[in-house]
N, C-alpha and C. Protein backbone atom coordinates (compact mmCIF):
# COMPACT_ATOMS: atom_id res chain seq x y z
N MET A 1 87.35 98.97 120.51
CA MET A 1 86.77 97.81 121.18
C MET A 1 87.71 96.62 120.97
N ARG A 2 88.09 95.96 122.03
CA ARG A 2 89.05 94.87 121.90
C ARG A 2 88.45 93.51 122.23
N ALA A 3 88.73 92.95 123.34
CA ALA A 3 88.62 91.53 123.60
C ALA A 3 87.22 90.94 123.76
N GLN A 4 86.47 90.81 122.71
CA GLN A 4 85.26 89.98 122.71
C GLN A 4 85.76 88.57 122.40
N GLN A 5 85.19 87.60 123.01
CA GLN A 5 85.69 86.24 122.82
C GLN A 5 85.45 85.73 121.40
N ALA A 6 86.44 85.08 120.89
CA ALA A 6 86.33 84.33 119.63
C ALA A 6 86.62 82.88 119.98
N PRO A 7 85.88 81.94 119.42
CA PRO A 7 86.17 80.54 119.72
C PRO A 7 87.62 80.19 119.38
N PRO A 8 88.35 79.60 120.34
CA PRO A 8 89.76 79.28 120.10
C PRO A 8 89.98 78.45 118.83
N GLY A 9 89.06 77.56 118.51
CA GLY A 9 89.19 76.76 117.30
C GLY A 9 89.13 77.60 116.04
N LYS A 10 88.32 78.65 116.06
CA LYS A 10 88.24 79.54 114.90
C LYS A 10 89.52 80.35 114.75
N VAL A 11 90.07 80.81 115.87
CA VAL A 11 91.34 81.55 115.82
C VAL A 11 92.44 80.64 115.28
N ALA A 12 92.54 79.44 115.81
CA ALA A 12 93.56 78.49 115.35
C ALA A 12 93.38 78.16 113.87
N GLY A 13 92.13 77.97 113.44
CA GLY A 13 91.86 77.69 112.03
C GLY A 13 92.24 78.85 111.13
N SER A 14 91.98 80.06 111.59
CA SER A 14 92.34 81.25 110.83
C SER A 14 93.85 81.36 110.69
N ILE A 15 94.56 81.16 111.78
CA ILE A 15 96.04 81.22 111.75
C ILE A 15 96.59 80.15 110.81
N ARG A 16 96.03 78.97 110.86
CA ARG A 16 96.46 77.88 109.97
C ARG A 16 96.21 78.25 108.51
N ARG A 17 95.04 78.82 108.21
CA ARG A 17 94.71 79.22 106.84
C ARG A 17 95.65 80.34 106.35
N LEU A 18 95.93 81.30 107.22
CA LEU A 18 96.74 82.46 106.81
C LEU A 18 98.24 82.17 106.77
N PHE A 19 98.72 81.34 107.71
CA PHE A 19 100.17 81.14 107.83
C PHE A 19 100.63 79.72 107.53
N GLY A 20 99.68 78.80 107.32
CA GLY A 20 100.04 77.44 106.97
C GLY A 20 100.08 76.49 108.16
N VAL A 21 100.05 75.21 107.83
CA VAL A 21 100.09 74.16 108.84
C VAL A 21 101.44 74.23 109.56
N GLY A 22 101.40 74.04 110.86
CA GLY A 22 102.63 74.06 111.65
C GLY A 22 103.00 75.42 112.19
N ALA A 23 102.19 76.45 111.89
CA ALA A 23 102.45 77.77 112.44
C ALA A 23 102.17 77.74 113.95
N ARG A 24 103.06 78.35 114.71
CA ARG A 24 102.95 78.38 116.16
C ARG A 24 102.52 79.77 116.61
N MET A 25 101.63 79.85 117.59
CA MET A 25 101.16 81.12 118.13
C MET A 25 101.71 81.31 119.54
N ASP A 26 102.32 82.46 119.77
CA ASP A 26 102.73 82.86 121.12
C ASP A 26 102.00 84.14 121.46
N SER A 27 101.42 84.21 122.64
CA SER A 27 100.68 85.40 123.06
C SER A 27 101.62 86.41 123.70
N ILE A 28 101.48 87.67 123.26
CA ILE A 28 102.28 88.77 123.80
C ILE A 28 101.31 89.84 124.30
N PRO A 29 101.32 90.14 125.62
CA PRO A 29 100.43 91.20 126.12
C PRO A 29 100.92 92.57 125.66
N VAL A 30 100.02 93.35 125.09
CA VAL A 30 100.35 94.70 124.63
C VAL A 30 99.17 95.61 124.92
N GLU A 31 99.39 96.65 125.70
CA GLU A 31 98.40 97.69 126.00
C GLU A 31 96.99 97.15 126.25
N GLY A 32 96.86 96.27 127.19
CA GLY A 32 95.55 95.76 127.57
C GLY A 32 94.98 94.70 126.64
N GLY A 33 95.70 94.34 125.61
CA GLY A 33 95.26 93.32 124.68
C GLY A 33 96.33 92.26 124.50
N VAL A 34 96.11 91.39 123.54
CA VAL A 34 97.06 90.32 123.26
C VAL A 34 97.34 90.31 121.76
N VAL A 35 98.62 90.28 121.42
CA VAL A 35 99.05 90.11 120.04
C VAL A 35 99.60 88.70 119.92
N LEU A 36 99.26 88.03 118.84
CA LEU A 36 99.79 86.69 118.59
C LEU A 36 101.01 86.81 117.69
N ARG A 37 102.12 86.27 118.16
CA ARG A 37 103.35 86.20 117.35
C ARG A 37 103.30 84.85 116.66
N ILE A 38 103.36 84.86 115.33
CA ILE A 38 103.22 83.64 114.55
C ILE A 38 104.59 83.25 113.98
N SER A 39 105.00 82.02 114.23
CA SER A 39 106.30 81.56 113.75
C SER A 39 106.22 80.08 113.36
N ARG A 40 107.24 79.65 112.67
CA ARG A 40 107.41 78.23 112.34
C ARG A 40 108.90 77.97 112.48
N ALA A 41 109.26 77.01 113.32
CA ALA A 41 110.65 76.74 113.65
C ALA A 41 111.27 78.05 114.14
N ASP A 42 112.34 78.52 113.51
CA ASP A 42 112.99 79.76 113.92
C ASP A 42 112.59 80.95 113.05
N SER A 43 111.59 80.79 112.20
CA SER A 43 111.19 81.85 111.27
C SER A 43 109.97 82.61 111.77
N LEU A 44 110.08 83.92 111.83
CA LEU A 44 108.95 84.77 112.16
C LEU A 44 108.08 84.91 110.92
N LEU A 45 106.79 84.58 111.05
CA LEU A 45 105.86 84.67 109.93
C LEU A 45 105.03 85.94 109.97
N GLY A 46 104.80 86.48 111.18
CA GLY A 46 104.01 87.68 111.31
C GLY A 46 103.34 87.77 112.66
N PHE A 47 102.34 88.65 112.73
CA PHE A 47 101.62 88.91 113.96
C PHE A 47 100.13 88.97 113.64
N ALA A 48 99.30 88.69 114.64
CA ALA A 48 97.85 88.75 114.45
C ALA A 48 97.21 89.22 115.74
N GLN A 49 96.02 89.77 115.58
CA GLN A 49 95.26 90.19 116.76
C GLN A 49 93.77 90.05 116.47
N VAL A 50 93.05 89.56 117.47
CA VAL A 50 91.59 89.48 117.40
C VAL A 50 91.05 90.82 117.88
N ARG A 51 90.14 91.38 117.10
CA ARG A 51 89.53 92.67 117.41
C ARG A 51 88.03 92.58 117.28
N ASN A 52 87.35 93.62 117.74
CA ASN A 52 85.90 93.74 117.64
C ASN A 52 85.52 95.14 117.23
N VAL A 53 84.46 95.24 116.46
CA VAL A 53 83.80 96.50 116.17
C VAL A 53 82.31 96.25 116.34
N ILE A 54 81.56 97.31 116.50
CA ILE A 54 80.11 97.16 116.58
C ILE A 54 79.55 97.34 115.17
N GLY A 55 78.73 96.37 114.75
CA GLY A 55 78.00 96.51 113.49
C GLY A 55 76.80 97.39 113.78
N LYS A 56 75.65 97.03 113.29
CA LYS A 56 74.46 97.82 113.59
C LYS A 56 74.15 97.76 115.09
N ASP A 57 74.10 96.55 115.64
CA ASP A 57 73.79 96.38 117.06
C ASP A 57 74.74 95.44 117.80
N GLN A 58 75.40 94.56 117.06
CA GLN A 58 76.18 93.48 117.67
C GLN A 58 77.66 93.60 117.34
N PRO A 59 78.52 93.03 118.19
CA PRO A 59 79.96 93.02 117.88
C PRO A 59 80.25 92.12 116.67
N ILE A 60 81.21 92.53 115.89
CA ILE A 60 81.77 91.72 114.80
C ILE A 60 83.19 91.41 115.24
N THR A 61 83.50 90.15 115.40
CA THR A 61 84.82 89.73 115.87
C THR A 61 85.64 89.29 114.66
N PHE A 62 86.83 89.87 114.52
CA PHE A 62 87.66 89.57 113.36
C PHE A 62 89.13 89.50 113.76
N LEU A 63 89.92 88.89 112.92
CA LEU A 63 91.35 88.76 113.13
C LEU A 63 92.07 89.52 112.03
N VAL A 64 93.05 90.32 112.42
CA VAL A 64 93.89 91.04 111.47
C VAL A 64 95.29 90.46 111.60
N ALA A 65 95.90 90.10 110.48
CA ALA A 65 97.25 89.53 110.48
C ALA A 65 98.17 90.37 109.61
N ILE A 66 99.38 90.65 110.12
CA ILE A 66 100.38 91.36 109.35
C ILE A 66 101.61 90.49 109.19
N ASP A 67 102.40 90.78 108.16
CA ASP A 67 103.65 90.06 107.97
C ASP A 67 104.77 90.80 108.71
N PRO A 68 106.00 90.27 108.74
CA PRO A 68 107.08 90.93 109.48
C PRO A 68 107.45 92.32 108.95
N SER A 69 107.05 92.65 107.72
CA SER A 69 107.33 94.00 107.19
C SER A 69 106.14 94.93 107.37
N ASP A 70 105.20 94.56 108.25
CA ASP A 70 104.04 95.37 108.63
C ASP A 70 103.06 95.62 107.49
N ARG A 71 102.97 94.67 106.58
CA ARG A 71 101.95 94.73 105.52
C ARG A 71 100.82 93.79 105.92
N LEU A 72 99.61 94.18 105.62
CA LEU A 72 98.46 93.39 106.00
C LEU A 72 98.44 92.07 105.21
N LYS A 73 98.54 90.98 105.93
CA LYS A 73 98.53 89.66 105.29
C LYS A 73 97.10 89.28 104.92
N ASP A 74 96.19 89.44 105.87
CA ASP A 74 94.78 89.13 105.59
C ASP A 74 93.93 89.51 106.78
N VAL A 75 92.64 89.45 106.57
CA VAL A 75 91.62 89.70 107.59
C VAL A 75 90.70 88.49 107.57
N ASP A 76 90.26 88.05 108.73
CA ASP A 76 89.34 86.93 108.80
C ASP A 76 88.22 87.30 109.77
N VAL A 77 86.98 87.27 109.32
CA VAL A 77 85.85 87.52 110.22
C VAL A 77 85.59 86.20 110.95
N LEU A 78 85.74 86.24 112.27
CA LEU A 78 85.62 85.03 113.09
C LEU A 78 84.19 84.81 113.57
N VAL A 79 83.51 85.87 113.99
CA VAL A 79 82.14 85.76 114.45
C VAL A 79 81.36 86.97 113.95
N TYR A 80 80.33 86.69 113.16
CA TYR A 80 79.44 87.75 112.67
C TYR A 80 78.08 87.52 113.29
N ARG A 81 77.59 88.47 114.06
CA ARG A 81 76.38 88.28 114.87
C ARG A 81 75.14 88.98 114.35
N GLU A 82 75.26 89.81 113.34
CA GLU A 82 74.12 90.57 112.81
C GLU A 82 73.31 89.71 111.84
N PRO A 83 72.02 90.00 111.67
CA PRO A 83 71.22 89.23 110.72
C PRO A 83 71.52 89.57 109.25
N TYR A 84 72.08 90.74 108.99
CA TYR A 84 72.38 91.17 107.61
C TYR A 84 73.81 91.69 107.55
N GLY A 85 74.38 91.70 106.36
CA GLY A 85 75.71 92.28 106.16
C GLY A 85 76.86 91.32 106.28
N GLY A 86 76.57 90.04 106.43
CA GLY A 86 77.62 89.04 106.60
C GLY A 86 78.57 88.91 105.42
N GLU A 87 78.28 89.62 104.33
CA GLU A 87 79.16 89.55 103.15
C GLU A 87 80.56 90.09 103.45
N VAL A 88 80.73 90.83 104.56
CA VAL A 88 82.08 91.30 104.92
C VAL A 88 83.01 90.13 105.23
N ALA A 89 82.46 88.96 105.47
CA ALA A 89 83.28 87.77 105.72
C ALA A 89 83.70 87.07 104.43
N TYR A 90 83.12 87.47 103.31
CA TYR A 90 83.42 86.80 102.04
C TYR A 90 84.82 87.14 101.54
N GLU A 91 85.46 86.14 101.01
CA GLU A 91 86.79 86.28 100.42
C GLU A 91 86.86 87.41 99.40
N SER A 92 85.85 87.53 98.57
CA SER A 92 85.85 88.54 97.51
C SER A 92 85.91 89.96 98.07
N TRP A 93 85.42 90.19 99.27
CA TRP A 93 85.50 91.52 99.87
C TRP A 93 86.78 91.67 100.68
N ARG A 94 87.15 90.66 101.46
CA ARG A 94 88.33 90.73 102.33
C ARG A 94 89.63 90.86 101.58
N LYS A 95 89.70 90.28 100.37
CA LYS A 95 90.99 90.25 99.66
C LYS A 95 91.50 91.64 99.27
N GLN A 96 90.63 92.64 99.25
CA GLN A 96 91.07 93.97 98.87
C GLN A 96 91.98 94.62 99.94
N PHE A 97 92.05 94.04 101.13
CA PHE A 97 92.90 94.58 102.18
C PHE A 97 94.32 94.00 102.14
N ARG A 98 94.49 92.91 101.46
CA ARG A 98 95.80 92.22 101.47
C ARG A 98 96.91 93.11 100.92
N ASP A 99 98.04 93.02 101.59
CA ASP A 99 99.27 93.72 101.21
C ASP A 99 99.20 95.23 101.44
N LYS A 100 98.19 95.71 102.16
CA LYS A 100 98.10 97.14 102.47
C LYS A 100 98.97 97.44 103.68
N SER A 101 99.37 98.69 103.80
CA SER A 101 100.15 99.16 104.95
C SER A 101 99.51 100.43 105.49
N VAL A 102 100.07 100.98 106.56
CA VAL A 102 99.50 102.18 107.15
C VAL A 102 99.56 103.37 106.19
N SER A 103 100.42 103.32 105.20
CA SER A 103 100.51 104.43 104.25
C SER A 103 99.41 104.37 103.18
N ASP A 104 98.69 103.26 103.09
CA ASP A 104 97.58 103.13 102.14
C ASP A 104 96.30 103.68 102.78
N SER A 105 95.53 104.39 101.98
CA SER A 105 94.25 104.88 102.50
C SER A 105 93.22 103.77 102.35
N LEU A 106 92.57 103.47 103.43
CA LEU A 106 91.51 102.46 103.42
C LEU A 106 90.20 103.21 103.66
N ILE A 107 89.62 103.69 102.57
CA ILE A 107 88.43 104.53 102.65
C ILE A 107 87.31 103.89 101.84
N VAL A 108 86.19 103.65 102.53
CA VAL A 108 85.03 103.03 101.87
C VAL A 108 84.55 103.94 100.74
N ASP A 109 84.22 103.32 99.64
CA ASP A 109 83.75 103.96 98.40
C ASP A 109 84.86 104.69 97.64
N ARG A 110 86.07 104.63 98.14
CA ARG A 110 87.21 105.16 97.38
C ARG A 110 88.16 104.01 97.07
N THR A 111 88.84 103.52 98.10
CA THR A 111 89.78 102.42 97.89
C THR A 111 89.20 101.08 98.36
N ILE A 112 88.13 101.14 99.13
CA ILE A 112 87.47 99.92 99.64
C ILE A 112 86.04 99.89 99.11
N ARG A 113 85.69 98.79 98.46
CA ARG A 113 84.34 98.61 97.92
C ARG A 113 83.31 98.51 99.03
N SER A 114 82.20 99.17 98.83
CA SER A 114 81.07 99.02 99.73
C SER A 114 80.26 97.80 99.28
N ILE A 115 79.35 97.38 100.12
CA ILE A 115 78.47 96.25 99.79
C ILE A 115 77.05 96.72 100.05
N SER A 116 76.21 96.66 99.03
CA SER A 116 74.82 97.06 99.18
C SER A 116 74.14 96.22 100.26
N GLY A 117 73.51 96.87 101.21
CA GLY A 117 72.84 96.17 102.30
C GLY A 117 73.75 95.87 103.48
N ALA A 118 75.01 96.23 103.36
CA ALA A 118 75.97 95.96 104.44
C ALA A 118 76.79 97.21 104.77
N THR A 119 76.21 98.37 104.57
CA THR A 119 76.94 99.63 104.72
C THR A 119 77.54 99.80 106.11
N ILE A 120 76.76 99.54 107.14
CA ILE A 120 77.26 99.71 108.50
C ILE A 120 78.40 98.73 108.78
N SER A 121 78.23 97.48 108.40
CA SER A 121 79.28 96.47 108.61
C SER A 121 80.54 96.82 107.85
N VAL A 122 80.40 97.24 106.60
CA VAL A 122 81.57 97.60 105.79
C VAL A 122 82.33 98.75 106.44
N ASN A 123 81.62 99.78 106.85
CA ASN A 123 82.28 100.93 107.47
C ASN A 123 82.92 100.56 108.81
N SER A 124 82.22 99.78 109.62
CA SER A 124 82.75 99.39 110.93
C SER A 124 83.98 98.51 110.80
N VAL A 125 83.89 97.49 109.97
CA VAL A 125 85.02 96.57 109.80
C VAL A 125 86.21 97.29 109.17
N THR A 126 85.98 98.13 108.18
CA THR A 126 87.08 98.88 107.56
C THR A 126 87.78 99.78 108.58
N ALA A 127 87.01 100.49 109.41
CA ALA A 127 87.60 101.33 110.44
C ALA A 127 88.39 100.49 111.45
N GLY A 128 87.85 99.33 111.81
CA GLY A 128 88.54 98.44 112.73
C GLY A 128 89.85 97.90 112.16
N ILE A 129 89.84 97.58 110.89
CA ILE A 129 91.05 97.09 110.23
C ILE A 129 92.10 98.19 110.18
N ARG A 130 91.66 99.40 109.81
CA ARG A 130 92.57 100.55 109.74
C ARG A 130 93.24 100.79 111.09
N LEU A 131 92.46 100.77 112.18
CA LEU A 131 93.01 100.99 113.51
C LEU A 131 93.94 99.84 113.92
N ALA A 132 93.55 98.62 113.66
CA ALA A 132 94.39 97.47 114.01
C ALA A 132 95.72 97.52 113.27
N LEU A 133 95.68 97.82 111.99
CA LEU A 133 96.91 97.92 111.18
C LEU A 133 97.81 99.02 111.73
N GLN A 134 97.21 100.16 112.07
CA GLN A 134 97.98 101.27 112.62
C GLN A 134 98.64 100.89 113.95
N GLU A 135 97.87 100.29 114.85
CA GLU A 135 98.41 99.94 116.16
C GLU A 135 99.42 98.80 116.08
N LEU A 136 99.14 97.76 115.32
CA LEU A 136 100.10 96.66 115.17
C LEU A 136 101.42 97.16 114.60
N THR A 137 101.35 98.02 113.60
CA THR A 137 102.56 98.58 112.99
C THR A 137 103.33 99.42 113.99
N GLU A 138 102.62 100.29 114.70
CA GLU A 138 103.26 101.15 115.70
C GLU A 138 103.93 100.31 116.79
N TRP A 139 103.21 99.33 117.33
CA TRP A 139 103.76 98.48 118.38
C TRP A 139 104.98 97.70 117.89
N HIS A 140 104.90 97.16 116.68
CA HIS A 140 106.01 96.40 116.13
C HIS A 140 107.23 97.28 115.91
N GLN A 141 107.03 98.42 115.27
CA GLN A 141 108.16 99.31 114.96
C GLN A 141 108.77 99.94 116.21
N SER A 142 107.98 100.08 117.27
CA SER A 142 108.52 100.65 118.51
C SER A 142 109.17 99.59 119.40
N GLY A 143 109.12 98.32 118.97
CA GLY A 143 109.78 97.25 119.70
C GLY A 143 108.95 96.66 120.83
N ARG A 144 107.66 96.98 120.90
CA ARG A 144 106.83 96.40 121.96
C ARG A 144 106.67 94.90 121.79
N PHE A 145 106.84 94.43 120.58
CA PHE A 145 106.93 92.98 120.33
C PHE A 145 107.82 92.77 119.13
N GLN A 146 108.46 91.60 119.11
CA GLN A 146 109.41 91.26 118.02
C GLN A 146 109.08 89.90 117.47
């Protein structure tokens, strides 16, 4: 699941938080979606993409950001629409994804902590992050974006 709308201000705020003030976003169309190329002056800082997964009933909109060496910089939940399970947006849960790559296993209850009362959200978001990391890495390494 790809392009559910995220408020542009939230995307910009997320990019600013992850890459710092003055980071510039350029949109690159890739396979029916958009990847954001993040840079400052002449320096490439990384790439990001807004994605969606279905929680129990509603889409969860999140941003996945990687650095130029295809390691996961961070994840930011932009819009959480379910009445329960919003803890997936908490820093304490999201930080376990940082610096991971496609060679790391991201498996709930093994390498990724579950959250009591948020099982569906945890599994959905983790699967979405795993897929985003895989696709962003593949696209970057194949030269679809630089």
